[in-house]
């Protein structure tokens, strides 16, 4: 399955990454690059939108955990947008829902963080 990533700067220290398709070993390096680029550019709050993600594997979970550790050491965080019950269940089973804040919609995540889409 193909995948697509899109990224958007949100304010001074926010970043949104939308992942569309299957998050597997083939797509994981692209997600990792995008996360590292956001962190290196000064983002403290990264929202990863998994709304249109159809599958997620352990490689991707590891990449999200790594990004979260990097940001937490700077006082930041990675949060997720996930409305799909099956994908969300993966985070619950692995207890990663205790590490990541998971919002049902992008608007909920951005409102919670006080970030606005399109603000650069």
N, C-alpha and C. Protein backbone atom coordinates (compact mmCIF):
# COMPACT_ATOMS: atom_id res chain seq x y z
N UNK A 1 0.85 -1.19 0.00
CA UNK A 1 0.00 0.00 0.00
C UNK A 1 0.88 1.23 0.00
N UNK A 2 0.48 2.22 -0.70
CA UNK A 2 1.19 3.50 -0.73
C UNK A 2 0.90 4.27 0.55
N UNK A 3 1.76 5.23 0.82
CA UNK A 3 1.54 6.12 1.95
C UNK A 3 1.89 7.54 1.52
N UNK A 4 1.37 8.49 2.27
CA UNK A 4 1.70 9.89 2.04
C UNK A 4 1.87 10.56 3.39
N UNK A 5 2.76 11.53 3.40
CA UNK A 5 2.96 12.37 4.58
C UNK A 5 2.76 13.81 4.17
N UNK A 6 2.17 14.57 5.06
CA UNK A 6 2.14 16.02 4.87
C UNK A 6 2.53 16.64 6.19
N UNK A 7 3.19 17.78 6.11
CA UNK A 7 3.65 18.45 7.32
C UNK A 7 3.29 19.92 7.26
N UNK A 8 3.05 20.48 8.44
CA UNK A 8 2.64 21.87 8.51
C UNK A 8 3.17 22.48 9.81
N UNK A 9 3.77 23.64 9.70
CA UNK A 9 4.22 24.40 10.87
C UNK A 9 3.00 25.01 11.55
N UNK A 10 2.96 24.95 12.87
CA UNK A 10 1.85 25.50 13.64
C UNK A 10 2.40 26.46 14.68
N UNK A 11 2.30 27.73 14.41
CA UNK A 11 2.83 28.71 15.35
C UNK A 11 4.35 28.61 15.42
N UNK A 12 4.91 29.10 16.53
CA UNK A 12 6.35 29.12 16.68
C UNK A 12 6.94 27.76 17.04
N UNK A 13 6.20 26.98 17.84
CA UNK A 13 6.79 25.73 18.32
C UNK A 13 5.91 24.50 18.12
N UNK A 14 4.99 24.58 17.17
CA UNK A 14 4.13 23.44 16.88
C UNK A 14 4.33 22.91 15.48
N UNK A 15 4.03 21.65 15.31
CA UNK A 15 4.19 21.01 14.01
C UNK A 15 3.14 19.91 13.89
N UNK A 16 2.54 19.82 12.72
CA UNK A 16 1.53 18.79 12.44
C UNK A 16 2.05 17.90 11.33
N UNK A 17 2.01 16.60 11.56
CA UNK A 17 2.38 15.62 10.53
C UNK A 17 1.17 14.71 10.34
N UNK A 18 0.66 14.66 9.12
CA UNK A 18 -0.45 13.77 8.80
C UNK A 18 0.11 12.57 8.05
N UNK A 19 -0.24 11.38 8.51
CA UNK A 19 0.21 10.14 7.89
C UNK A 19 -1.00 9.47 7.26
N UNK A 20 -0.91 9.19 5.96
CA UNK A 20 -2.01 8.56 5.23
C UNK A 20 -1.51 7.24 4.66
N UNK A 21 -2.21 6.16 4.95
CA UNK A 21 -1.85 4.85 4.42
C UNK A 21 -1.33 3.92 5.51
N UNK A 22 -0.49 2.96 5.10
CA UNK A 22 0.04 1.96 6.02
C UNK A 22 1.36 2.41 6.64
N UNK A 23 1.39 2.44 7.97
CA UNK A 23 2.62 2.76 8.70
C UNK A 23 3.33 1.45 8.99
N UNK A 24 4.28 1.11 8.13
CA UNK A 24 4.97 -0.17 8.23
C UNK A 24 6.47 0.06 8.01
N UNK A 25 7.28 -1.01 7.96
CA UNK A 25 8.72 -0.82 7.79
C UNK A 25 9.11 -0.06 6.52
N UNK A 26 8.28 -0.08 5.50
CA UNK A 26 8.59 0.65 4.27
C UNK A 26 8.38 2.15 4.42
N UNK A 27 7.40 2.54 5.20
CA UNK A 27 7.08 3.96 5.35
C UNK A 27 7.71 4.57 6.61
N UNK A 28 8.15 3.75 7.54
CA UNK A 28 8.69 4.24 8.81
C UNK A 28 9.86 5.21 8.65
N UNK A 29 10.82 4.95 7.75
CA UNK A 29 11.94 5.91 7.62
C UNK A 29 11.49 7.31 7.23
N UNK A 30 10.48 7.42 6.38
CA UNK A 30 9.98 8.74 5.98
C UNK A 30 9.34 9.45 7.16
N UNK A 31 8.60 8.73 7.97
CA UNK A 31 7.99 9.32 9.16
C UNK A 31 9.08 9.77 10.13
N UNK A 32 10.08 8.94 10.32
CA UNK A 32 11.18 9.29 11.22
C UNK A 32 11.89 10.56 10.75
N UNK A 33 12.17 10.65 9.45
CA UNK A 33 12.81 11.86 8.91
C UNK A 33 11.97 13.10 9.17
N UNK A 34 10.68 12.97 8.96
CA UNK A 34 9.78 14.12 9.15
C UNK A 34 9.73 14.53 10.62
N UNK A 35 9.67 13.57 11.52
CA UNK A 35 9.66 13.88 12.95
C UNK A 35 10.97 14.54 13.37
N UNK A 36 12.09 14.00 12.93
CA UNK A 36 13.39 14.57 13.29
C UNK A 36 13.54 15.99 12.73
N UNK A 37 13.07 16.18 11.52
CA UNK A 37 13.13 17.51 10.91
C UNK A 37 12.31 18.51 11.74
N UNK A 38 11.13 18.10 12.17
CA UNK A 38 10.29 18.98 12.99
C UNK A 38 10.98 19.32 14.30
N UNK A 39 11.56 18.32 14.94
CA UNK A 39 12.24 18.53 16.23
C UNK A 39 13.46 19.43 16.05
N UNK A 40 14.24 19.16 15.01
CA UNK A 40 15.45 19.96 14.76
C UNK A 40 15.12 21.40 14.37
N UNK A 41 13.93 21.62 13.83
CA UNK A 41 13.54 22.99 13.46
C UNK A 41 12.98 23.77 14.64
N UNK A 42 12.94 23.12 15.82
CA UNK A 42 12.53 23.82 17.03
C UNK A 42 11.14 23.51 17.53
N UNK A 43 10.44 22.58 16.92
CA UNK A 43 9.10 22.23 17.39
C UNK A 43 9.18 21.63 18.80
N UNK A 44 8.28 22.07 19.65
CA UNK A 44 8.17 21.48 20.99
C UNK A 44 6.92 20.61 21.10
N UNK A 45 5.94 20.91 20.26
CA UNK A 45 4.70 20.13 20.26
C UNK A 45 4.49 19.60 18.84
N UNK A 46 4.51 18.28 18.71
CA UNK A 46 4.29 17.66 17.42
C UNK A 46 3.00 16.84 17.51
N UNK A 47 2.09 17.12 16.60
CA UNK A 47 0.85 16.35 16.50
C UNK A 47 0.97 15.45 15.29
N UNK A 48 0.82 14.14 15.51
CA UNK A 48 0.84 13.19 14.40
C UNK A 48 -0.60 12.74 14.17
N UNK A 49 -1.12 13.11 13.01
CA UNK A 49 -2.51 12.80 12.66
C UNK A 49 -2.56 11.45 11.97
N UNK A 50 -3.16 10.48 12.65
CA UNK A 50 -3.30 9.12 12.13
C UNK A 50 -4.72 8.85 11.64
N UNK A 51 -5.47 9.89 11.38
CA UNK A 51 -6.87 9.74 10.99
C UNK A 51 -7.03 8.84 9.77
N UNK A 52 -6.12 8.98 8.80
CA UNK A 52 -6.22 8.19 7.57
C UNK A 52 -5.16 7.09 7.50
N UNK A 53 -4.67 6.69 8.67
CA UNK A 53 -3.72 5.58 8.73
C UNK A 53 -4.52 4.28 8.79
N UNK A 54 -4.16 3.34 7.93
CA UNK A 54 -4.92 2.09 7.84
C UNK A 54 -4.27 0.93 8.58
N UNK A 55 -3.00 1.08 8.96
CA UNK A 55 -2.25 0.03 9.64
C UNK A 55 -1.08 0.68 10.33
N UNK A 56 -0.71 0.16 11.50
CA UNK A 56 0.47 0.67 12.21
C UNK A 56 1.22 -0.51 12.82
N UNK A 57 2.54 -0.52 12.67
CA UNK A 57 3.33 -1.65 13.17
C UNK A 57 4.25 -1.20 14.29
N UNK A 58 5.00 -2.17 14.84
CA UNK A 58 5.88 -1.89 15.98
C UNK A 58 7.03 -0.97 15.61
N UNK A 59 7.49 -1.00 14.38
CA UNK A 59 8.56 -0.08 13.96
C UNK A 59 8.08 1.36 14.10
N UNK A 60 6.89 1.62 13.65
CA UNK A 60 6.31 2.96 13.74
C UNK A 60 6.09 3.36 15.19
N UNK A 61 5.63 2.43 16.00
CA UNK A 61 5.44 2.73 17.43
C UNK A 61 6.77 3.14 18.05
N UNK A 62 7.84 2.43 17.71
CA UNK A 62 9.17 2.76 18.23
C UNK A 62 9.62 4.15 17.81
N UNK A 63 9.33 4.51 16.58
CA UNK A 63 9.70 5.85 16.08
C UNK A 63 8.93 6.93 16.84
N UNK A 64 7.66 6.70 17.09
CA UNK A 64 6.86 7.67 17.85
C UNK A 64 7.38 7.80 19.28
N UNK A 65 7.75 6.69 19.90
CA UNK A 65 8.29 6.71 21.26
C UNK A 65 9.61 7.47 21.28
N UNK A 66 10.48 7.22 20.31
CA UNK A 66 11.76 7.92 20.24
C UNK A 66 11.58 9.42 20.11
N UNK A 67 10.66 9.84 19.27
CA UNK A 67 10.38 11.27 19.10
C UNK A 67 9.83 11.87 20.39
N UNK A 68 8.99 11.12 21.07
CA UNK A 68 8.42 11.59 22.32
C UNK A 68 9.51 11.80 23.37
N UNK A 69 10.45 10.87 23.45
CA UNK A 69 11.56 11.00 24.41
C UNK A 69 12.40 12.23 24.11
N UNK A 70 12.69 12.47 22.84
CA UNK A 70 13.47 13.66 22.46
C UNK A 70 12.76 14.95 22.87
N UNK A 71 11.47 15.00 22.59
CA UNK A 71 10.72 16.22 22.89
C UNK A 71 10.51 16.41 24.38
N UNK A 72 10.27 15.34 25.11
CA UNK A 72 10.07 15.47 26.56
C UNK A 72 11.32 16.00 27.24
N UNK A 73 12.50 15.66 26.72
CA UNK A 73 13.73 16.17 27.31
C UNK A 73 13.85 17.68 27.10
N UNK A 74 13.06 18.23 26.18
CA UNK A 74 13.04 19.67 25.90
C UNK A 74 11.77 20.33 26.44
N UNK A 75 11.00 19.59 27.20
CA UNK A 75 9.76 20.14 27.73
C UNK A 75 8.60 20.09 26.76
N UNK A 76 8.73 19.29 25.70
CA UNK A 76 7.68 19.19 24.69
C UNK A 76 7.00 17.84 24.72
N UNK A 77 6.25 17.56 23.65
CA UNK A 77 5.54 16.29 23.58
C UNK A 77 5.11 15.96 22.15
N UNK A 78 4.80 14.69 21.97
CA UNK A 78 4.16 14.20 20.75
C UNK A 78 2.75 13.79 21.15
N UNK A 79 1.77 14.27 20.42
CA UNK A 79 0.41 13.81 20.65
C UNK A 79 -0.13 13.25 19.34
N UNK A 80 -1.17 12.45 19.46
CA UNK A 80 -1.70 11.74 18.30
C UNK A 80 -3.16 12.09 18.08
N UNK A 81 -3.55 12.04 16.81
CA UNK A 81 -4.96 12.14 16.44
C UNK A 81 -5.34 10.79 15.87
N UNK A 82 -6.33 10.16 16.49
CA UNK A 82 -6.72 8.83 16.04
C UNK A 82 -8.18 8.58 16.41
N UNK A 83 -9.01 8.53 15.41
CA UNK A 83 -10.42 8.24 15.63
C UNK A 83 -10.79 6.79 15.35
N UNK A 84 -9.88 6.07 14.69
CA UNK A 84 -10.12 4.67 14.32
C UNK A 84 -9.96 3.78 15.55
N UNK A 85 -11.00 3.07 15.90
CA UNK A 85 -10.98 2.21 17.08
C UNK A 85 -9.93 1.11 17.02
N UNK A 86 -9.70 0.54 15.84
CA UNK A 86 -8.72 -0.53 15.71
C UNK A 86 -7.29 -0.02 15.91
N UNK A 87 -6.99 1.13 15.33
CA UNK A 87 -5.66 1.72 15.50
C UNK A 87 -5.48 2.16 16.94
N UNK A 88 -6.48 2.79 17.49
CA UNK A 88 -6.40 3.25 18.88
C UNK A 88 -6.19 2.08 19.84
N UNK A 89 -6.81 0.96 19.53
CA UNK A 89 -6.69 -0.23 20.40
C UNK A 89 -5.24 -0.68 20.50
N UNK A 90 -4.45 -0.51 19.44
CA UNK A 90 -3.03 -0.86 19.47
C UNK A 90 -2.33 -0.06 20.56
N UNK A 91 -2.64 1.22 20.67
CA UNK A 91 -2.03 2.07 21.69
C UNK A 91 -2.51 1.66 23.09
N UNK A 92 -3.75 1.22 23.19
CA UNK A 92 -4.28 0.78 24.49
C UNK A 92 -3.67 -0.55 24.92
N UNK A 93 -3.58 -1.50 24.01
CA UNK A 93 -3.02 -2.82 24.33
C UNK A 93 -1.56 -2.72 24.76
N UNK A 94 -0.82 -1.86 24.09
CA UNK A 94 0.61 -1.69 24.40
C UNK A 94 0.85 -0.70 25.53
N UNK A 95 -0.23 -0.14 26.09
CA UNK A 95 -0.20 0.86 27.16
C UNK A 95 0.44 2.17 26.72
N UNK A 96 0.58 2.37 25.42
CA UNK A 96 1.14 3.61 24.92
C UNK A 96 0.15 4.77 25.01
N UNK A 97 -1.11 4.45 25.28
CA UNK A 97 -2.08 5.52 25.51
C UNK A 97 -1.78 6.25 26.82
N UNK A 98 -0.88 5.69 27.63
CA UNK A 98 -0.44 6.37 28.86
C UNK A 98 0.72 7.33 28.58
N UNK A 99 1.39 7.14 27.44
CA UNK A 99 2.51 7.99 27.07
C UNK A 99 2.05 9.13 26.17
N UNK A 100 1.18 8.81 25.24
CA UNK A 100 0.71 9.80 24.26
C UNK A 100 -0.69 10.30 24.62
N UNK A 101 -0.90 11.58 24.47
CA UNK A 101 -2.26 12.10 24.51
C UNK A 101 -2.85 11.80 23.14
N UNK A 102 -4.02 11.18 23.13
CA UNK A 102 -4.66 10.79 21.88
C UNK A 102 -6.01 11.50 21.78
N UNK A 103 -6.12 12.35 20.77
CA UNK A 103 -7.37 13.06 20.52
C UNK A 103 -8.11 12.39 19.37
N UNK A 104 -9.43 12.50 19.37
CA UNK A 104 -10.25 11.87 18.34
C UNK A 104 -10.21 12.64 17.03
N UNK A 105 -10.00 13.97 17.10
CA UNK A 105 -9.97 14.78 15.89
C UNK A 105 -8.79 15.74 15.93
N UNK A 106 -8.41 16.21 14.74
CA UNK A 106 -7.33 17.18 14.62
C UNK A 106 -7.69 18.47 15.35
N UNK A 107 -8.93 18.92 15.20
CA UNK A 107 -9.35 20.16 15.86
C UNK A 107 -9.22 20.06 17.38
N UNK A 108 -9.59 18.91 17.96
CA UNK A 108 -9.45 18.72 19.41
C UNK A 108 -7.99 18.85 19.83
N UNK A 109 -7.09 18.23 19.07
CA UNK A 109 -5.66 18.28 19.41
C UNK A 109 -5.13 19.70 19.33
N UNK A 110 -5.46 20.39 18.26
CA UNK A 110 -4.96 21.75 18.08
C UNK A 110 -5.54 22.71 19.11
N UNK A 111 -6.81 22.55 19.43
CA UNK A 111 -7.43 23.38 20.46
C UNK A 111 -6.78 23.13 21.83
N UNK A 112 -6.54 21.87 22.16
CA UNK A 112 -5.94 21.52 23.44
C UNK A 112 -4.55 22.15 23.58
N UNK A 113 -3.80 22.19 22.49
CA UNK A 113 -2.45 22.75 22.52
C UNK A 113 -2.41 24.25 22.27
N UNK A 114 -3.55 24.84 21.93
CA UNK A 114 -3.59 26.26 21.64
C UNK A 114 -2.88 26.59 20.33
N UNK A 115 -2.92 25.65 19.40
CA UNK A 115 -2.30 25.83 18.10
C UNK A 115 -3.37 26.00 17.03
N UNK A 116 -3.05 26.73 15.99
CA UNK A 116 -4.01 26.93 14.91
C UNK A 116 -3.40 26.46 13.60
N UNK A 117 -4.14 25.67 12.86
CA UNK A 117 -3.66 25.22 11.55
C UNK A 117 -3.48 26.42 10.66
N UNK A 118 -2.40 26.41 9.89
CA UNK A 118 -2.13 27.48 8.95
C UNK A 118 -1.36 28.64 9.57
N UNK A 119 -1.13 28.60 10.87
CA UNK A 119 -0.35 29.68 11.51
C UNK A 119 1.13 29.36 11.41
N UNK A 120 1.87 30.24 10.81
CA UNK A 120 3.31 29.99 10.66
C UNK A 120 4.10 30.93 11.51
